[in-house]
Amino acid sequence: MNMEEPLVHCPKCGEEHPIQSVLTAQSNQNVIFECPKCGYEKRNILTSKG
């Protein structure tokens, strides 16, 4: 079964990137988004776990 990786849209530049390349999950349940194209960064993204 060939499953494609979900894509994430950057809220600043609108580029799409694979989820694994732009989201980082930290041990304290914080999530960080970093766009490799424009450099936009958002930290402490709320998740369903906290």
PDB file of N, CA and C in Angstrom:
ATOM      1  N   MET A   1       0.846  -1.168   0.000  1.00  0.00           N
ATOM      2  CA  MET A   1       0.000   0.000   0.000  1.00  0.00           C
ATOM      3  C   MET A   1       0.899   1.242   0.000  1.00  0.00           C
ATOM      4  N   ASN A   2       0.709   2.119  -0.959  1.00  0.00           N
ATOM      5  CA  ASN A   2       1.497   3.329  -1.077  1.00  0.00           C
ATOM      6  C   ASN A   2       0.693   4.499  -0.528  1.00  0.00           C
ATOM      7  N   MET A   3       1.080   4.978   0.660  1.00  0.00           N
ATOM      8  CA  MET A   3       0.355   6.077   1.291  1.00  0.00           C
ATOM      9  C   MET A   3       1.172   7.347   1.126  1.00  0.00           C
ATOM     10  N   GLU A   4       0.533   8.386   0.613  1.00  0.00           N
ATOM     11  CA  GLU A   4       1.215   9.665   0.463  1.00  0.00           C
ATOM     12  C   GLU A   4       1.235  10.403   1.792  1.00  0.00           C
ATOM     13  N   GLU A   5       2.321  11.125   2.020  1.00  0.00           N
ATOM     14  CA  GLU A   5       2.452  11.910   3.230  1.00  0.00           C
ATOM     15  C   GLU A   5       1.566  13.158   3.127  1.00  0.00           C
ATOM     16  N   PRO A   6       0.837  13.507   4.192  1.00  0.00           N
ATOM     17  CA  PRO A   6      -0.005  14.712   4.152  1.00  0.00           C
ATOM     18  C   PRO A   6       0.833  15.964   3.914  1.00  0.00           C
ATOM     19  N   LEU A   7       0.247  16.945   3.233  1.00  0.00           N
ATOM     20  CA  LEU A   7       0.920  18.210   2.974  1.00  0.00           C
ATOM     21  C   LEU A   7       0.378  19.284   3.908  1.00  0.00           C
ATOM     22  N   VAL A   8       1.258  20.194   4.314  1.00  0.00           N
ATOM     23  CA  VAL A   8       0.898  21.298   5.193  1.00  0.00           C
ATOM     24  C   VAL A   8       1.132  22.593   4.423  1.00  0.00           C
ATOM     25  N   HIS A   9       0.165  23.514   4.485  1.00  0.00           N
ATOM     26  CA  HIS A   9       0.279  24.821   3.831  1.00  0.00           C
ATOM     27  C   HIS A   9       0.882  25.827   4.808  1.00  0.00           C
ATOM     28  N   CYS A  10       1.867  26.581   4.341  1.00  0.00           N
ATOM     29  CA  CYS A  10       2.434  27.655   5.157  1.00  0.00           C
ATOM     30  C   CYS A  10       1.440  28.811   5.177  1.00  0.00           C
ATOM     31  N   PRO A  11       1.098  29.331   6.371  1.00  0.00           N
ATOM     32  CA  PRO A  11       0.138  30.439   6.442  1.00  0.00           C
ATOM     33  C   PRO A  11       0.699  31.757   5.908  1.00  0.00           C
ATOM     34  N   LYS A  12       2.011  31.861   5.759  1.00  0.00           N
ATOM     35  CA  LYS A  12       2.609  33.106   5.283  1.00  0.00           C
ATOM     36  C   LYS A  12       2.782  33.119   3.762  1.00  0.00           C
ATOM     37  N   CYS A  13       3.452  32.094   3.205  1.00  0.00           N
ATOM     38  CA  CYS A  13       3.744  32.106   1.766  1.00  0.00           C
ATOM     39  C   CYS A  13       2.830  31.196   0.954  1.00  0.00           C
ATOM     40  N   GLY A  14       2.091  30.287   1.619  1.00  0.00           N
ATOM     41  CA  GLY A  14       1.153  29.421   0.926  1.00  0.00           C
ATOM     42  C   GLY A  14       1.757  28.172   0.306  1.00  0.00           C
ATOM     43  N   GLU A  15       3.073  27.988   0.431  1.00  0.00           N
ATOM     44  CA  GLU A  15       3.718  26.793  -0.122  1.00  0.00           C
ATOM     45  C   GLU A  15       3.253  25.546   0.635  1.00  0.00           C
ATOM     46  N   GLU A  16       3.248  24.418  -0.070  1.00  0.00           N
ATOM     47  CA  GLU A  16       2.915  23.133   0.539  1.00  0.00           C
ATOM     48  C   GLU A  16       4.186  22.342   0.773  1.00  0.00           C
ATOM     49  N   HIS A  17       4.263  21.708   1.936  1.00  0.00           N
ATOM     50  CA  HIS A  17       5.418  20.880   2.265  1.00  0.00           C
ATOM     51  C   HIS A  17       4.935  19.629   2.985  1.00  0.00           C
ATOM     52  N   PRO A  18       5.649  18.506   2.840  1.00  0.00           N
ATOM     53  CA  PRO A  18       5.283  17.286   3.570  1.00  0.00           C
ATOM     54  C   PRO A  18       5.326  17.539   5.083  1.00  0.00           C
ATOM     55  N   ILE A  19       4.379  16.969   5.780  1.00  0.00           N
ATOM     56  CA  ILE A  19       4.222  17.210   7.216  1.00  0.00           C
ATOM     57  C   ILE A  19       5.496  16.910   8.000  1.00  0.00           C
ATOM     58  N   GLN A  20       6.209  15.861   7.633  1.00  0.00           N
ATOM     59  CA  GLN A  20       7.425  15.481   8.363  1.00  0.00           C
ATOM     60  C   GLN A  20       8.542  16.500   8.222  1.00  0.00           C
ATOM     61  N   SER A  21       8.510  17.316   7.153  1.00  0.00           N
ATOM     62  CA  SER A  21       9.600  18.273   6.937  1.00  0.00           C
ATOM     63  C   SER A  21       9.334  19.635   7.571  1.00  0.00           C
ATOM     64  N   VAL A  22       8.122  19.891   8.046  1.00  0.00           N
ATOM     65  CA  VAL A  22       7.823  21.221   8.594  1.00  0.00           C
ATOM     66  C   VAL A  22       7.346  21.217  10.044  1.00  0.00           C
ATOM     67  N   LEU A  23       6.906  20.081  10.566  1.00  0.00           N
ATOM     68  CA  LEU A  23       6.421  20.024  11.947  1.00  0.00           C
ATOM     69  C   LEU A  23       7.393  19.244  12.822  1.00  0.00           C
ATOM     70  N   THR A  24       7.666  19.794  13.999  1.00  0.00           N
ATOM     71  CA  THR A  24       8.515  19.132  14.983  1.00  0.00           C
ATOM     72  C   THR A  24       7.721  19.000  16.266  1.00  0.00           C
ATOM     73  N   ALA A  25       7.610  17.780  16.774  1.00  0.00           N
ATOM     74  CA  ALA A  25       6.922  17.549  18.049  1.00  0.00           C
ATOM     75  C   ALA A  25       7.974  17.416  19.143  1.00  0.00           C
ATOM     76  N   GLN A  26       7.809  18.186  20.212  1.00  0.00           N
ATOM     77  CA  GLN A  26       8.738  18.141  21.324  1.00  0.00           C
ATOM     78  C   GLN A  26       8.184  17.260  22.431  1.00  0.00           C
ATOM     79  N   SER A  27       9.055  16.844  23.335  1.00  0.00           N
ATOM     80  CA  SER A  27       8.650  15.930  24.401  1.00  0.00           C
ATOM     81  C   SER A  27       7.630  16.548  25.357  1.00  0.00           C
ATOM     82  N   ASN A  28       7.584  17.874  25.447  1.00  0.00           N
ATOM     83  CA  ASN A  28       6.617  18.520  26.327  1.00  0.00           C
ATOM     84  C   ASN A  28       5.299  18.800  25.604  1.00  0.00           C
ATOM     85  N   GLN A  29       5.057  18.149  24.501  1.00  0.00           N
ATOM     86  CA  GLN A  29       3.836  18.190  23.688  1.00  0.00           C
ATOM     87  C   GLN A  29       3.662  19.509  22.938  1.00  0.00           C
ATOM     88  N   ASN A  30       4.717  20.326  22.863  1.00  0.00           N
ATOM     89  CA  ASN A  30       4.682  21.500  22.007  1.00  0.00           C
ATOM     90  C   ASN A  30       4.960  21.066  20.572  1.00  0.00           C
ATOM     91  N   VAL A  31       4.368  21.766  19.629  1.00  0.00           N
ATOM     92  CA  VAL A  31       4.600  21.493  18.212  1.00  0.00           C
ATOM     93  C   VAL A  31       5.124  22.775  17.578  1.00  0.00           C
ATOM     94  N   ILE A  32       6.149  22.636  16.735  1.00  0.00           N
ATOM     95  CA  ILE A  32       6.753  23.783  16.060  1.00  0.00           C
ATOM     96  C   ILE A  32       6.586  23.599  14.558  1.00  0.00           C
ATOM     97  N   PHE A  33       6.128  24.661  13.881  1.00  0.00           N
ATOM     98  CA  PHE A  33       6.034  24.680  12.421  1.00  0.00           C
ATOM     99  C   PHE A  33       7.136  25.589  11.901  1.00  0.00           C
ATOM    100  N   GLU A  34       7.913  25.103  10.911  1.00  0.00           N
ATOM    101  CA  GLU A  34       8.952  25.902  10.282  1.00  0.00           C
ATOM    102  C   GLU A  34       8.866  25.718   8.776  1.00  0.00           C
ATOM    103  N   CYS A  35       8.687  26.823   8.040  1.00  0.00           N
ATOM    104  CA  CYS A  35       8.606  26.764   6.584  1.00  0.00           C
ATOM    105  C   CYS A  35      10.016  26.857   5.993  1.00  0.00           C
ATOM    106  N   PRO A  36      10.429  25.861   5.217  1.00  0.00           N
ATOM    107  CA  PRO A  36      11.769  25.896   4.632  1.00  0.00           C
ATOM    108  C   PRO A  36      11.909  26.921   3.507  1.00  0.00           C
ATOM    109  N   LYS A  37      10.791  27.394   2.959  1.00  0.00           N
ATOM    110  CA  LYS A  37      10.875  28.366   1.862  1.00  0.00           C
ATOM    111  C   LYS A  37      11.005  29.799   2.369  1.00  0.00           C
ATOM    112  N   CYS A  38      10.070  30.242   3.210  1.00  0.00           N
ATOM    113  CA  CYS A  38      10.065  31.648   3.624  1.00  0.00           C
ATOM    114  C   CYS A  38      10.622  31.868   5.026  1.00  0.00           C
ATOM    115  N   GLY A  39      10.826  30.785   5.793  1.00  0.00           N
ATOM    116  CA  GLY A  39      11.394  30.913   7.127  1.00  0.00           C
ATOM    117  C   GLY A  39      10.384  31.199   8.225  1.00  0.00           C
ATOM    118  N   TYR A  40       9.084  31.227   7.877  1.00  0.00           N
ATOM    119  CA  TYR A  40       8.046  31.466   8.883  1.00  0.00           C
ATOM    120  C   TYR A  40       8.122  30.386   9.957  1.00  0.00           C
ATOM    121  N   GLU A  41       7.969  30.792  11.211  1.00  0.00           N
ATOM    122  CA  GLU A  41       8.011  29.848  12.320  1.00  0.00           C
ATOM    123  C   GLU A  41       6.887  30.143  13.297  1.00  0.00           C
ATOM    124  N   LYS A  42       6.225  29.099  13.739  1.00  0.00           N
ATOM    125  CA  LYS A  42       5.189  29.222  14.775  1.00  0.00           C
ATOM    126  C   LYS A  42       5.489  28.159  15.809  1.00  0.00           C
ATOM    127  N   ARG A  43       5.549  28.573  17.059  1.00  0.00           N
ATOM    128  CA  ARG A  43       5.871  27.659  18.166  1.00  0.00           C
ATOM    129  C   ARG A  43       4.664  27.477  19.071  1.00  0.00           C
ATOM    130  N   ASN A  44       4.720  26.441  19.891  1.00  0.00           N
ATOM    131  CA  ASN A  44       3.692  26.155  20.902  1.00  0.00           C
ATOM    132  C   ASN A  44       2.304  26.024  20.296  1.00  0.00           C
ATOM    133  N   ILE A  45       2.196  25.284  19.217  1.00  0.00           N
ATOM    134  CA  ILE A  45       0.912  25.048  18.557  1.00  0.00           C
ATOM    135  C   ILE A  45       0.098  24.096  19.423  1.00  0.00           C
ATOM    136  N   LEU A  46      -1.118  24.484  19.747  1.00  0.00           N
ATOM    137  CA  LEU A  46      -1.976  23.632  20.573  1.00  0.00           C
ATOM    138  C   LEU A  46      -2.378  22.389  19.810  1.00  0.00           C
ATOM    139  N   THR A  47      -2.382  21.271  20.502  1.00  0.00           N
ATOM    140  CA  THR A  47      -2.801  20.003  19.917  1.00  0.00           C
ATOM    141  C   THR A  47      -3.920  19.416  20.766  1.00  0.00           C
ATOM    142  N   SER A  48      -4.494  18.322  20.323  1.00  0.00           N
ATOM    143  CA  SER A  48      -5.566  17.693  21.089  1.00  0.00           C
ATOM    144  C   SER A  48      -5.043  17.079  22.375  1.00  0.00           C
ATOM    145  N   LYS A  49      -3.719  16.894  22.479  1.00  0.00           N
ATOM    146  CA  LYS A  49      -3.121  16.335  23.690  1.00  0.00           C
ATOM    147  C   LYS A  49      -2.694  17.410  24.677  1.00  0.00           C
ATOM    148  N   GLY A  50      -2.744  18.664  24.302  1.00  0.00           N
ATOM    149  CA  GLY A  50      -2.348  19.688  25.247  1.00  0.00           C
ATOM    150  C   GLY A  50      -1.767  20.847  24.561  1.00  0.00           C
TER     151      GLY A  50
END
